[in-house]
Protein backbone atom coordinates (compact mmCIF):
# COMPACT_ATOMS: atom_id res chain seq x y z
CA MET A 1 111.61 61.83 71.76
CA LYS A 2 108.08 63.00 72.79
CA TRP A 3 107.10 66.64 72.51
CA THR A 4 106.70 67.12 76.25
CA GLN A 5 110.20 66.13 76.72
CA ILE A 6 111.25 69.07 74.94
CA SER A 7 111.96 72.18 77.09
CA PHE A 8 109.82 74.99 76.88
CA ARG A 9 112.28 77.32 75.37
CA HIS A 10 113.30 74.89 72.60
CA ARG A 11 109.74 74.19 71.95
CA MET A 12 109.31 78.10 71.69
CA LEU A 13 112.12 78.33 69.49
CA ILE A 14 110.83 75.53 67.19
CA ILE A 15 107.29 76.74 66.84
CA MET A 16 108.15 80.46 66.22
CA THR A 17 111.01 79.37 63.62
CA LEU A 18 108.81 76.99 61.86
CA SER A 19 105.88 79.24 61.85
CA GLY A 20 107.87 82.14 60.43
CA LEU A 21 109.68 80.03 57.84
CA ILE A 22 106.06 79.02 56.68
CA GLU A 23 104.74 82.42 56.69
CA LEU A 24 107.82 83.60 54.72
CA LEU A 25 107.68 80.72 52.09
CA VAL A 26 103.64 81.80 51.56
CA LEU A 27 104.83 85.12 51.21
CA ALA A 28 107.65 84.44 48.79
CA LEU A 29 105.54 82.31 46.64
CA ALA A 30 102.63 84.70 46.78
CA GLY A 31 105.38 87.49 45.47
CA PHE A 32 106.74 84.98 42.79
CA ILE A 33 103.06 84.41 41.59
CA TYR A 34 102.22 88.06 41.47
CA ILE A 35 105.68 89.07 39.93
CA LYS A 36 104.92 86.15 37.37
CA HIS A 37 101.57 87.52 36.74
CA GLU A 38 102.39 91.07 36.31
CA GLN A 39 105.20 90.05 33.99
CA GLU A 40 102.84 88.28 31.77
CA GLN A 41 100.25 90.99 31.68
CA GLU A 42 103.20 93.55 30.85
CA MET A 43 104.47 91.37 28.16
CA GLY A 44 100.99 90.91 26.74
CA LEU A 45 100.15 94.44 26.71
CA LYS A 46 103.57 95.05 24.90
CA ALA A 47 102.83 92.25 22.31
CA GLN A 48 99.32 93.81 21.94
CA GLY A 49 100.72 97.11 21.10
CA VAL A 50 103.26 95.60 18.71
CA ALA A 51 100.92 93.66 17.06
CA SER A 52 98.38 96.92 16.79
CA PHE A 53 100.86 99.05 15.43
CA LEU A 54 101.86 96.45 12.67
CA ALA A 55 98.37 95.86 11.87
CA GLN A 56 97.58 99.48 10.87
CA SER A 57 100.82 99.85 8.91
CA SER A 58 100.33 100.04 5.35
CA ALA A 59 103.18 97.87 4.54
CA VAL A 60 101.47 95.07 6.11
CA VAL A 61 98.22 95.65 4.36
CA GLU A 62 100.20 95.93 0.98
CA MET A 63 101.93 92.63 1.89
CA ILE A 64 98.69 90.77 2.63
CA GLU A 65 96.99 92.37 -0.39
CA HIS A 66 99.82 91.77 -2.85
CA ASP A 67 101.16 88.68 -1.46
CA THR A 68 104.90 90.14 -1.17
CA ALA A 69 105.49 88.46 2.14
CA SER A 70 108.55 86.81 0.85
CA ASN A 71 110.37 89.75 0.54
CA MET A 72 109.65 90.81 3.88
CA GLN A 73 110.95 87.81 6.14
CA ASN A 74 114.23 89.25 6.91
CA ARG A 75 112.59 92.58 7.78
CA TYR A 76 110.28 90.97 10.39
CA GLN A 77 112.94 88.63 11.74
CA GLY A 78 115.37 91.61 12.40
CA LEU A 79 111.99 93.25 13.99
CA THR A 80 111.47 90.34 16.23
CA GLU A 81 114.82 90.52 17.54
CA LEU A 82 114.74 94.08 18.19
CA ILE A 83 111.82 94.09 20.41
CA GLY A 84 112.98 90.83 22.26
CA ALA A 85 109.68 88.70 21.07
CA ALA A 86 109.86 85.15 20.35
CA PHE A 87 107.84 85.61 16.86
CA ILE A 88 105.90 87.92 14.70
CA VAL A 89 103.50 86.00 12.70
CA VAL A 90 101.32 87.49 9.81
CA GLY A 91 98.52 85.36 8.59
CA ASP A 92 95.87 86.39 5.81
CA LYS A 93 92.04 86.14 6.46
CA ASP A 94 92.25 82.25 6.62
CA GLY A 95 94.64 82.03 9.24
CA ILE A 96 97.36 81.03 6.83
CA ARG A 97 100.89 82.00 7.80
CA LEU A 98 102.43 84.63 5.71
CA VAL A 99 105.12 85.60 7.91
CA HIS A 100 106.80 83.27 10.40
CA PRO A 101 110.22 82.91 11.95
CA VAL A 102 110.52 79.41 10.58
CA LYS A 103 110.57 79.31 6.95
CA GLU A 104 109.31 75.86 6.64
CA ARG A 105 105.89 76.75 8.49
CA ILE A 106 105.07 79.67 6.22
CA GLY A 107 101.91 78.78 4.32
CA LEU A 108 100.77 76.32 7.12
CA PRO A 109 97.78 77.29 9.36
CA MET A 110 98.61 79.26 12.65
CA LYS A 111 98.17 77.37 15.50
CA GLY A 112 96.63 78.07 18.96
CA GLY A 113 93.05 78.65 18.23
CA ASP A 114 93.02 82.04 19.34
CA ASN A 115 92.53 83.55 16.05
CA ASP A 116 88.61 84.16 16.00
CA ARG A 117 88.48 87.26 17.75
CA ALA A 118 90.77 89.02 15.46
CA LEU A 119 89.40 87.40 11.85
CA VAL A 120 85.91 87.21 13.00
CA HIS A 121 85.14 89.92 15.53
CA GLY A 122 88.34 92.32 14.35
CA GLU A 123 89.48 92.86 17.73
CA SER A 124 92.88 93.42 19.40
CA TYR A 125 93.68 91.34 22.42
CA VAL A 126 96.15 89.32 24.74
CA SER A 127 95.83 85.62 24.77
CA PHE A 128 97.83 82.66 26.23
CA ALA A 129 98.16 79.58 23.76
CA THR A 130 100.39 76.90 22.74
CA GLY A 131 101.74 77.30 19.25
CA SER A 132 104.57 75.64 17.38
CA LEU A 133 107.17 77.21 19.06
CA GLY A 134 105.66 76.49 22.52
CA ARG A 135 103.39 78.30 25.11
CA SER A 136 103.46 82.01 24.79
CA VAL A 137 101.64 85.28 25.75
CA ARG A 138 100.45 86.69 22.48
CA GLY A 139 99.47 90.08 21.31
CA LYS A 140 96.76 89.84 18.17
CA ALA A 141 95.19 92.45 16.03
CA ALA A 142 93.03 92.13 13.19
CA VAL A 143 94.30 93.84 9.80
CA PHE A 144 91.97 96.05 7.85
CA ASN A 145 92.01 97.08 4.40
CA GLU A 146 90.92 100.72 3.17
CA ARG A 147 87.46 99.46 2.79
CA GLY A 148 87.44 98.17 6.51
CA GLU A 149 87.30 94.74 5.43
CA ILE A 150 89.33 92.14 7.56
CA ILE A 151 92.14 90.63 5.45
CA GLY A 152 94.44 89.28 8.08
CA VAL A 153 95.85 89.03 11.80
CA VAL A 154 99.01 90.02 13.27
CA SER A 155 100.24 87.95 16.18
CA VAL A 156 103.32 88.72 18.16
CA GLY A 157 104.30 86.65 21.10
CA TYR A 158 106.77 85.99 24.08
CA LEU A 159 107.59 82.63 25.02
CA LEU A 160 106.51 81.80 28.91
CA GLU A 161 109.80 79.89 28.98
CA ARG A 162 112.01 82.89 28.47
CA LEU A 163 109.61 84.99 30.81
CA GLN A 164 110.12 82.24 33.62
CA ASP A 165 114.05 82.84 33.16
CA ARG A 166 113.59 86.47 33.84
CA ILE A 167 111.43 85.89 36.88
CA GLU A 168 113.70 83.09 38.58
CA PRO A 169 116.07 85.90 39.81
CA PHE A 170 113.30 87.43 41.59
CA LEU A 171 112.31 84.17 43.07
CA MET A 172 116.19 83.52 44.17
CA PHE A 173 116.11 86.98 45.83
CA LEU A 174 112.68 86.21 47.90
CA ILE A 175 113.98 82.86 48.75
CA GLY A 176 117.45 84.50 49.87
CA MET A 177 115.62 87.14 52.18
CA ALA A 178 113.19 84.60 53.62
CA ILE A 179 116.23 82.65 54.74
CA LEU A 180 117.62 85.82 56.40
CA VAL A 181 114.59 86.66 57.97
CA VAL A 182 114.15 83.43 59.47
CA ALA A 183 117.56 83.35 60.88
CA ALA A 184 116.76 86.98 62.39
CA ASN A 185 113.57 85.42 63.86
CA ALA A 186 115.18 82.44 65.18
CA VAL A 187 117.57 84.65 67.11
CA VAL A 188 114.63 86.96 68.52
CA SER A 189 112.70 83.69 69.13
CA ASN A 190 115.64 82.49 71.24
CA TYR A 191 115.93 85.43 73.39
CA ALA A 192 112.08 86.11 73.77
CA SER A 193 111.78 82.23 74.89
CA ARG A 194 114.69 83.04 77.34
CA ARG A 195 113.11 85.79 78.86
CA PHE A 196 109.56 84.50 78.80
CA GLN A 197 110.88 81.20 80.93
CA ARG A 198 112.85 83.45 83.23
CA ALA A 199 109.41 85.28 83.76
CA ILE A 200 107.66 81.77 84.73
CA LEU A 201 110.66 80.94 87.10
CA GLY A 202 111.96 78.30 84.83
CA PHE A 203 108.97 75.98 84.97
CA GLU A 204 107.84 73.95 81.91
CA PRO A 205 104.25 74.45 80.73
CA GLU A 206 103.28 70.96 82.25
CA GLU A 207 104.74 71.77 85.75
CA MET A 208 102.91 75.06 85.58
CA GLY A 209 99.70 73.46 84.98
CA ARG A 210 100.34 70.78 87.82
CA LEU A 211 101.40 73.68 90.19
CA TYR A 212 98.36 75.62 89.36
CA GLY A 213 96.15 72.25 90.05
CA GLU A 214 97.83 71.77 93.28
CA LEU A 215 97.51 75.26 94.50
CA ASP A 216 93.78 75.29 93.47
CA VAL A 217 93.17 72.06 95.48
CA THR A 218 95.16 73.46 98.26
CA MET A 219 93.43 76.75 98.38
CA SER A 220 89.92 75.12 98.22
CA THR A 221 90.83 72.85 101.34
CA ILE A 222 92.47 75.11 103.95
CA LYS A 223 89.99 76.66 106.40
CA GLU A 224 91.65 80.18 106.15
CA GLY A 225 90.05 82.50 103.76
CA VAL A 226 92.66 83.69 101.24
CA ILE A 227 92.63 86.56 98.55
CA SER A 228 95.28 87.88 96.45
CA ILE A 229 95.68 91.28 94.20
CA ASP A 230 97.93 92.72 91.48
CA SER A 231 99.72 95.73 91.20
CA GLN A 232 96.61 97.58 90.23
CA GLY A 233 94.60 96.44 93.12
CA ILE A 234 92.45 93.77 90.95
CA LEU A 235 91.15 90.88 93.03
CA ARG A 236 93.01 87.80 90.91
CA SER A 237 92.29 84.90 93.38
CA ILE A 238 89.86 84.07 96.19
CA ASN A 239 89.49 80.64 97.70
CA THR A 240 86.25 78.92 98.53
CA SER A 241 86.70 79.52 102.62
CA ALA A 242 87.25 83.50 101.74
CA CYS A 243 83.82 83.28 99.47
CA GLN A 244 82.02 81.54 102.56
CA ILE A 245 83.48 84.04 105.32
CA LEU A 246 82.54 87.16 103.28
CA ALA A 247 79.48 85.82 101.57
CA LEU A 248 80.93 86.44 98.03
CA ASP A 249 80.49 84.67 94.58
CA LYS A 250 83.70 83.74 93.11
CA ASN A 251 82.39 83.83 89.85
CA HIS A 252 81.30 87.55 90.24
CA VAL A 253 84.13 89.09 92.21
CA VAL A 254 87.59 87.92 90.44
CA ASN A 255 89.26 90.41 88.03
CA LYS A 256 87.42 93.27 89.69
CA PRO A 257 88.92 95.83 91.61
CA LEU A 258 88.94 95.20 95.16
CA THR A 259 87.49 98.59 96.17
CA LYS A 260 84.25 97.41 94.64
CA VAL A 261 84.25 94.06 96.06
CA LEU A 262 85.26 94.87 99.56
CA PRO A 263 85.11 98.74 99.78
CA ASN A 264 86.30 98.58 103.63
CA SER A 265 89.64 96.80 102.52
CA ASP A 266 92.95 98.56 102.43
CA LEU A 267 94.92 95.62 101.53
CA ALA A 268 95.90 97.58 98.50
CA SER A 269 98.11 99.82 100.78
CA LEU A 270 100.68 97.15 101.10
CA LEU A 271 101.50 97.73 97.47
CA SER A 272 103.09 101.02 98.31
CA THR A 273 104.35 100.25 102.14
CA GLY A 274 105.61 96.95 100.99
CA GLU A 275 105.46 96.03 104.72
CA PRO A 276 103.61 92.81 106.24
CA ASP A 277 100.91 92.97 108.79
CA ASN A 278 100.37 90.40 111.12
CA ASP A 279 97.45 89.40 113.30
CA ILE A 280 95.66 92.63 112.65
CA GLU A 281 91.79 92.90 113.23
CA LEU A 282 89.72 93.92 110.12
CA TYR A 283 86.00 94.40 109.58
CA LEU A 284 84.65 93.45 106.22
CA ASN A 285 81.19 92.65 105.03
CA ASN A 286 79.81 92.62 108.57
CA GLN A 287 82.69 90.07 109.69
CA ARG A 288 85.29 90.82 112.32
CA LEU A 289 88.25 89.10 111.07
CA ILE A 290 91.93 88.28 112.22
CA ALA A 291 94.07 88.60 109.09
CA ASN A 292 97.76 88.34 108.15
CA ARG A 293 98.54 90.21 104.96
CA SER A 294 101.91 90.33 102.87
CA PRO A 295 103.16 91.88 99.66
CA ILE A 296 104.00 89.85 96.80
CA GLU A 297 107.81 90.71 95.62
CA VAL A 298 109.36 89.53 92.58
CA GLU A 299 112.95 90.77 91.85
CA GLY A 300 112.67 93.33 94.38
CA GLN A 301 109.64 94.90 93.12
CA VAL A 302 105.91 94.35 94.52
CA ILE A 303 103.80 93.12 92.11
CA GLY A 304 100.59 92.17 94.53
CA ALA A 305 99.76 91.36 97.89
CA VAL A 306 97.97 88.19 99.36
CA SER A 307 95.72 88.23 102.82
CA SER A 308 94.71 85.09 104.83
CA PHE A 309 91.91 85.44 107.94
CA ARG A 310 89.45 83.74 109.80
CA ARG A 311 86.75 84.80 112.02
CA ARG A 312 87.47 86.49 114.91
CA ASP A 313 84.73 84.64 116.68
CA GLU A 314 86.29 81.28 115.89
CA ILE A 315 89.79 82.59 117.31
CA SER A 316 87.97 84.14 120.22
CA GLU A 317 86.19 81.02 121.24
CA LEU A 318 89.68 79.12 121.08
CA THR A 319 91.17 81.82 123.07
CA LYS A 320 88.35 81.72 125.55
CA GLN A 321 88.59 78.02 126.01
CA LEU A 322 92.35 78.37 126.49
CA SER A 323 92.06 81.13 128.86
CA GLN A 324 89.65 79.18 131.04
CA THR A 325 91.66 76.11 130.70
CA LYS A 326 94.76 78.04 132.11
CA GLU A 327 93.13 79.58 134.64
CA TYR A 328 91.42 76.64 135.81
CA ALA A 329 95.22 74.83 135.83
CA GLU A 330 96.73 77.74 137.90
CA LEU A 331 93.85 77.75 140.36
CA LEU A 332 94.30 73.96 140.57
CA ARG A 333 98.15 74.25 140.84
CA SER A 334 98.06 77.04 143.30
CA GLN A 335 95.35 75.25 145.41
CA THR A 336 97.28 71.96 145.56
CA HIS A 337 100.35 73.79 146.54
CA GLU A 338 98.58 75.51 149.33
CA HIS A 339 96.76 72.79 150.59
CA ARG A 340 99.72 70.56 150.68
CA ASN A 341 101.28 72.93 153.05
CA LYS A 342 98.01 72.90 155.17
CA LEU A 343 97.71 69.24 155.19
CA ASN A 344 101.31 69.09 156.34
CA THR A 345 100.52 71.49 159.15
CA ILE A 346 97.28 69.58 159.85
CA SER A 347 99.40 66.39 159.92
CA GLY A 348 101.99 67.70 162.39
CA LEU A 349 99.08 69.14 164.50
CA VAL A 350 97.48 65.73 164.74
CA GLN A 351 100.36 63.90 165.56
CA MET A 352 101.24 66.48 168.51
CA GLY A 353 97.73 65.98 169.86
CA GLU A 354 96.56 69.51 169.14
CA LEU A 355 93.07 68.71 168.03
CA ASP A 356 91.80 71.96 168.89
CA ALA A 357 94.23 73.86 166.84
CA VAL A 358 93.52 71.68 163.60
CA GLN A 359 89.75 72.47 163.94
CA LYS A 360 90.55 76.03 164.03
CA LEU A 361 92.99 76.21 161.21
CA ILE A 362 90.58 74.21 159.15
CA GLY A 363 87.74 76.80 160.14
CA GLN A 364 89.88 79.62 159.13
CA GLU A 365 90.76 78.15 155.78
CA THR A 366 87.14 77.48 154.98
CA GLU A 367 86.02 80.74 156.19
CA HIS A 368 88.52 82.88 153.96
CA TYR A 369 88.13 80.73 150.76
CA GLN A 370 84.20 80.50 151.17
CA SER A 371 84.19 84.39 151.92
CA LEU A 372 86.20 85.26 148.92
CA ILE A 373 83.72 83.10 146.62
CA GLU A 374 80.71 84.74 147.83
CA PHE A 375 82.14 88.18 147.81
CA LEU A 376 83.02 87.53 143.80
CA ARG A 377 79.61 85.89 143.32
CA GLU A 378 77.73 89.08 144.80
CA THR A 379 79.83 92.12 143.30
CA ILE A 380 81.07 90.25 139.80
CA ARG A 381 78.12 88.97 138.01
CA ASP A 382 80.09 87.54 134.90
CA PRO A 383 81.37 84.25 135.84
CA LEU A 384 84.38 84.44 133.38
CA VAL A 385 85.74 87.69 135.18
CA ALA A 386 84.82 86.19 138.52
CA GLY A 387 86.75 83.02 137.87
CA LEU A 388 89.60 84.90 136.71
CA LEU A 389 90.06 87.16 139.79
CA LEU A 390 89.73 83.77 142.02
CA GLY A 391 92.35 82.20 139.99
CA LYS A 392 94.74 85.26 140.30
CA THR A 393 93.95 85.57 144.05
CA GLU A 394 95.23 82.02 144.39
CA ARG A 395 98.28 82.78 142.19
CA ALA A 396 99.21 85.40 144.07
CA ARG A 397 99.23 83.81 147.39
CA GLU A 398 101.24 80.96 145.69
CA ILE A 399 104.08 83.51 144.69
CA GLY A 400 103.95 85.46 148.04
CA LEU A 401 101.77 88.40 146.76
CA ILE A 402 98.36 89.62 147.92
CA LEU A 403 95.88 90.34 145.16
CA SER A 404 93.16 92.60 146.71
CA VAL A 405 89.56 93.17 144.93
CA GLU A 406 88.21 96.70 146.05
CA GLN A 407 85.16 96.33 148.40
CA ASP A 408 83.22 98.85 146.31
CA SER A 409 83.99 96.76 142.94
CA ARG A 410 80.93 96.21 141.03
CA LEU A 411 80.49 94.35 137.62
CA GLN A 412 76.96 93.64 136.29
CA PRO A 413 76.34 91.43 133.31
CA LEU A 414 78.21 92.48 130.19
CA PRO A 415 76.34 94.13 127.50
CA SER A 416 75.76 91.75 124.31
CA ALA A 417 78.28 94.49 122.59
CA ILE A 418 81.14 93.56 124.87
CA ASN A 419 82.69 90.05 124.93
CA ALA A 420 83.55 88.81 128.25
CA ASP A 421 86.78 87.03 127.14
CA ASP A 422 88.13 90.47 126.03
CA ILE A 423 87.67 91.73 129.58
CA VAL A 424 89.61 88.78 130.85
CA THR A 425 92.23 89.23 128.37
CA ILE A 426 92.51 93.05 129.39
CA LEU A 427 92.09 92.25 133.21
CA GLY A 428 94.40 89.16 133.13
CA ASN A 429 97.24 90.95 131.28
CA LEU A 430 97.00 94.06 133.72
CA ILE A 431 97.31 91.69 136.75
CA ASP A 432 100.16 89.65 135.28
CA ASN A 433 102.15 92.66 134.69
CA ALA A 434 101.44 93.84 138.24
CA PHE A 435 102.94 90.60 139.49
CA GLU A 436 105.92 90.92 137.30
CA ALA A 437 106.68 94.44 138.58
CA THR A 438 106.05 93.50 142.03
CA LEU A 439 108.21 90.41 141.93
CA SER A 440 111.05 92.26 140.10
CA VAL A 441 111.20 94.82 143.10
CA THR A 442 111.27 91.84 145.64
CA LYS A 443 114.04 90.02 143.86
CA LEU A 444 116.22 93.33 144.14
CA THR A 445 115.23 94.14 147.47
CA LYS A 446 115.13 90.51 148.88
CA GLY A 447 111.68 91.25 150.46
CA LEU A 448 109.12 93.94 150.56
CA PRO A 449 106.68 94.99 153.28
CA ILE A 450 103.39 93.44 152.96
CA ASN A 451 101.78 96.91 151.68
CA ARG A 452 104.17 96.75 148.86
CA ARG A 453 103.23 93.19 148.15
CA THR A 454 99.62 93.80 147.64
CA ILE A 455 98.17 94.38 143.82
CA ASP A 456 94.72 96.22 143.97
CA VAL A 457 91.93 95.76 141.50
CA SER A 458 89.07 97.62 141.08
CA ILE A 459 86.04 97.01 138.68
CA SER A 460 83.13 99.53 138.42
CA ASP A 461 80.48 99.83 135.86
CA PHE A 462 78.60 102.94 137.17
CA GLY A 463 77.46 105.31 134.64
CA ASN A 464 78.52 104.66 130.75
CA GLU A 465 81.60 102.97 131.30
CA ILE A 466 83.12 99.97 132.49
CA ILE A 467 86.47 100.85 134.44
CA LEU A 468 89.02 98.26 135.18
CA GLU A 469 91.94 99.44 137.30
CA VAL A 470 95.06 97.78 138.52
CA SER A 471 97.56 99.01 140.98
CA ASP A 472 100.73 97.73 142.09
CA MET A 473 103.74 98.87 144.26
CA GLY A 474 106.48 97.48 142.08
CA CYS A 475 109.08 99.15 139.91
CA GLY A 476 106.90 101.58 138.14
CA LEU A 477 107.10 102.65 134.62
CA PRO A 478 110.37 102.24 132.78
CA LYS A 479 112.46 105.47 132.37
CA ASN A 480 114.15 104.65 129.08
CA ILE A 481 111.02 103.74 127.04
CA ASP A 482 108.08 106.01 126.10
CA ILE A 483 104.98 105.35 127.55
CA GLU A 484 103.27 105.02 124.12
CA GLN A 485 106.16 102.63 123.20
CA LEU A 486 105.25 100.35 126.00
CA THR A 487 101.67 99.35 124.13
CA GLU A 488 103.40 98.31 120.92
CA ARG A 489 103.96 94.62 120.01
CA GLY A 490 107.71 93.46 120.87
CA VAL A 491 108.39 96.62 123.16
CA SER A 492 108.60 95.53 127.05
CA SER A 493 110.26 96.80 130.04
CA LYS A 494 111.36 93.17 130.71
CA ALA A 495 113.10 90.47 129.00
CA PRO A 496 113.84 91.44 125.10
CA ASN A 497 112.66 88.36 123.76
CA ASN A 498 109.28 86.94 123.56
CA ARG A 499 107.93 89.84 125.47
CA GLY A 500 105.97 92.87 124.47
CA VAL A 501 102.54 91.28 123.84
CA GLY A 502 100.35 91.74 126.94
CA MET A 503 99.94 95.58 126.82
CA PHE A 504 99.78 95.45 123.09
CA LEU A 505 96.76 93.19 123.48
CA VAL A 506 95.19 95.47 126.01
CA LYS A 507 95.65 98.61 123.70
CA GLN A 508 94.13 96.89 120.47
CA LEU A 509 91.03 95.47 122.50
CA THR A 510 90.67 99.10 124.01
CA GLN A 511 91.01 100.58 120.83
CA ARG A 512 88.25 98.27 119.27
CA TYR A 513 85.79 99.13 121.76
CA GLN A 514 86.61 103.04 121.43
CA GLY A 515 87.79 102.96 125.17
CA GLN A 516 90.75 104.53 126.46
CA LEU A 517 94.00 103.50 127.99
CA GLU A 518 95.94 105.10 131.17
CA MET A 519 99.23 104.49 132.52
CA MET A 520 100.60 106.79 135.19
CA GLU A 521 103.03 106.20 138.29
CA ASN A 522 101.63 106.31 141.82
CA SER A 523 102.72 108.94 144.24
CA ASP A 524 104.94 106.57 146.24
CA PHE A 525 105.63 103.52 144.28
CA GLY A 526 104.47 101.29 141.37
CA THR A 527 102.20 101.95 138.55
CA ARG A 528 98.42 102.52 137.87
CA VAL A 529 96.83 101.52 134.84
CA THR A 530 93.18 102.24 134.16
CA VAL A 531 91.20 100.98 130.99
CA TYR A 532 87.71 102.67 130.45
CA ILE A 533 85.48 100.80 128.05
CA PRO A 534 82.11 102.17 126.80
CA LYS A 535 79.11 100.02 127.30
CA ASP A 536 77.61 100.75 124.06
CA GLY A 537 80.48 98.80 122.44
CA MET A 538 82.59 98.94 119.40
CA LEU A 539 81.87 100.33 115.86
């Protein structure tokens, strides 16, 4: 089985158990070596002390000088057993054994080759050597006579074999403790690996690597800018589009506080509120953006936040194109419907031979349409707004209403700080609301007098403000909904589903330009909505 085929939890268990076992075995070996060394040093010092004591004994000096060692063998044999040593050997100045635990070896030279320091230099020391009884740790001391002459050497030794037997219980204890610790480590490793894999949502390392690669490629290919922060407000990721939109260098901003990278961003507020934001407008690094933001939650806790955004100009351009297309389509549809009726009338008049009536009807229609175009061309100098009013006028005629643009209306070319498509959005939504309010009363009353089917539109840019006003004679403001609530997303006085967007957009655009929105009831019927937009633009 390949290593990658083993689950991550089992891999962690194997690695942590083996690493713990190796560490403990090394520790046990080091402990064993340390204990062995200390035991050898301890026994060596003990042997040296006994050897020094005997070398200074008058009995030993007298034994060597008068050659009475044969009478002392049993005595030294008993002393050897008493101190637990392997041997006590006494030699003369030539290294010939005088006392030895094995009688047959008395009179033979001492073995080990470690007597020079005692017999030549007169030292007392510890040595390790292999003698006739085996390898041992020895304590040696020179024997001096009364004149200070070296006359012999005393050697007390402990066999290393016996010392090994004394150390082995310590080794077994260390191995037993190592096994116990390894078992405990295996339990802890199993628990830790389970918790760790649960934290990474059960993915294997190879899967996480693949997912990270896919995510990195996906993030770099999407056109929207995407950034994310952690629970501390640190910028953790930013894709290529976000760097391009905000003019940032990815290598210099990742893992830095978002407040330092983008001081005007309030993305960190989602960490406390936990509420997502949709289609909000932001102004970051001199860029107007449309953003969607959402908190990142794991097991019910907010651990970060992510935001995706695009330049508002791109969306505005699409909105502008869509608005123009929609208005153009409505204009064509209303004109087609109206002209079909006119053509049917003309056809009937021709069949009846009423040619004068045909010429009169055509003249009236041409004069009306041309006069409307000329009026809008002279008074409304922005083509988008003029096109909107022309299209809405034809739409009103189609649905049985009248859209009246006040004769005193004037709109000069818009300042560079004000986008024409924003004015179109505001005015178009106000007119549509007026249409719906008027039609709702028409359905209830099954017909309205002409004065109540008229929607009045006024546009003025005298002074420092552009004033847009739409007045209708419809159902008026709702009684069960607060006026402020009507400008919130999803709140509508009409159908509960898929509504409540128009006035929200109007309010949002008005606030962007630091303008003012007023809604009030007319003195008799209907509603009057006025929007004031400063000419000096927005912040």
